[in-house]
């Protein structure tokens, strides 16, 4: 995640801030699965991120702004 690197956070640091396990941060960064809305909300709250969702033709696109 660019945000994490720009702020000098390790995956463990971000996981602690967000309240999820470090392997979950790794999976998110590797785009191994789509994050849940709950996870996006936690990331937004903890890191001050803003996400925009686009749902089109059965697919969900998540964009960090």
Protein backbone atom coordinates (compact mmCIF):
# COMPACT_ATOMS: atom_id res chain seq x y z
CA UNK A 1 0.00 0.00 0.00
CA UNK A 2 1.46 3.32 -1.02
CA UNK A 3 -0.07 5.06 1.99
CA UNK A 4 1.68 2.72 4.41
CA UNK A 5 5.07 3.18 2.74
CA UNK A 6 4.70 6.97 2.50
CA UNK A 7 4.04 7.14 6.22
CA UNK A 8 6.87 4.80 7.21
CA UNK A 9 4.55 2.15 8.62
CA UNK A 10 5.31 -1.54 8.60
CA UNK A 11 2.53 -4.00 7.85
CA UNK A 12 2.53 -4.84 11.56
CA UNK A 13 2.18 -1.14 12.49
CA UNK A 14 -0.76 -0.67 10.14
CA UNK A 15 -2.39 -3.89 11.30
CA UNK A 16 -2.16 -2.70 14.91
CA UNK A 17 -3.69 0.69 14.01
CA UNK A 18 -6.51 -0.90 12.03
CA UNK A 19 -7.18 -3.74 14.45
CA UNK A 20 -6.64 -6.61 12.02
CA UNK A 21 -3.93 -9.25 11.67
CA UNK A 22 -0.71 -8.47 9.78
CA UNK A 23 -1.27 -11.30 7.27
CA UNK A 24 -4.56 -9.61 6.33
CA UNK A 25 -2.64 -6.43 5.47
CA UNK A 26 -0.26 -8.50 3.33
CA UNK A 27 -3.16 -10.14 1.47
CA UNK A 28 -4.75 -6.73 0.84
CA UNK A 29 -1.50 -5.31 -0.51
CA UNK A 30 -1.02 -8.31 -2.78
CA UNK A 31 -4.63 -7.99 -3.98
CA UNK A 32 -5.29 -11.62 -3.11
CA UNK A 33 -8.90 -10.80 -2.25
CA UNK A 34 -11.35 -7.91 -2.15
CA UNK A 35 -11.58 -6.25 1.27
CA UNK A 36 -14.91 -6.25 3.04
CA UNK A 37 -16.72 -2.97 3.64
CA UNK A 38 -15.95 -3.43 7.34
CA UNK A 39 -12.21 -3.69 6.60
CA UNK A 40 -12.33 -0.59 4.38
CA UNK A 41 -14.13 1.28 7.17
CA UNK A 42 -11.44 0.24 9.67
CA UNK A 43 -8.67 1.33 7.28
CA UNK A 44 -10.44 4.64 6.69
CA UNK A 45 -10.88 5.31 10.40
CA UNK A 46 -7.36 4.30 11.45
CA UNK A 47 -5.34 5.75 8.58
CA UNK A 48 -7.53 8.61 7.38
CA UNK A 49 -7.95 7.03 3.96
CA UNK A 50 -10.83 7.70 1.59
CA UNK A 51 -12.13 4.94 -0.66
CA UNK A 52 -14.50 5.13 -3.58
CA UNK A 53 -16.40 2.03 -4.66
CA UNK A 54 -17.73 1.38 -8.11
CA UNK A 55 -20.04 -1.56 -8.69
CA UNK A 56 -20.55 -2.29 -12.37
CA UNK A 57 -21.51 -5.42 -14.30
CA UNK A 58 -21.11 -7.65 -11.26
CA UNK A 59 -17.64 -6.39 -10.36
CA UNK A 60 -16.50 -4.16 -7.52
CA UNK A 61 -13.68 -1.69 -8.05
CA UNK A 62 -12.12 -0.12 -4.93
CA UNK A 63 -10.08 3.05 -5.43
CA UNK A 64 -8.09 4.77 -2.68
CA UNK A 65 -8.07 8.54 -3.06
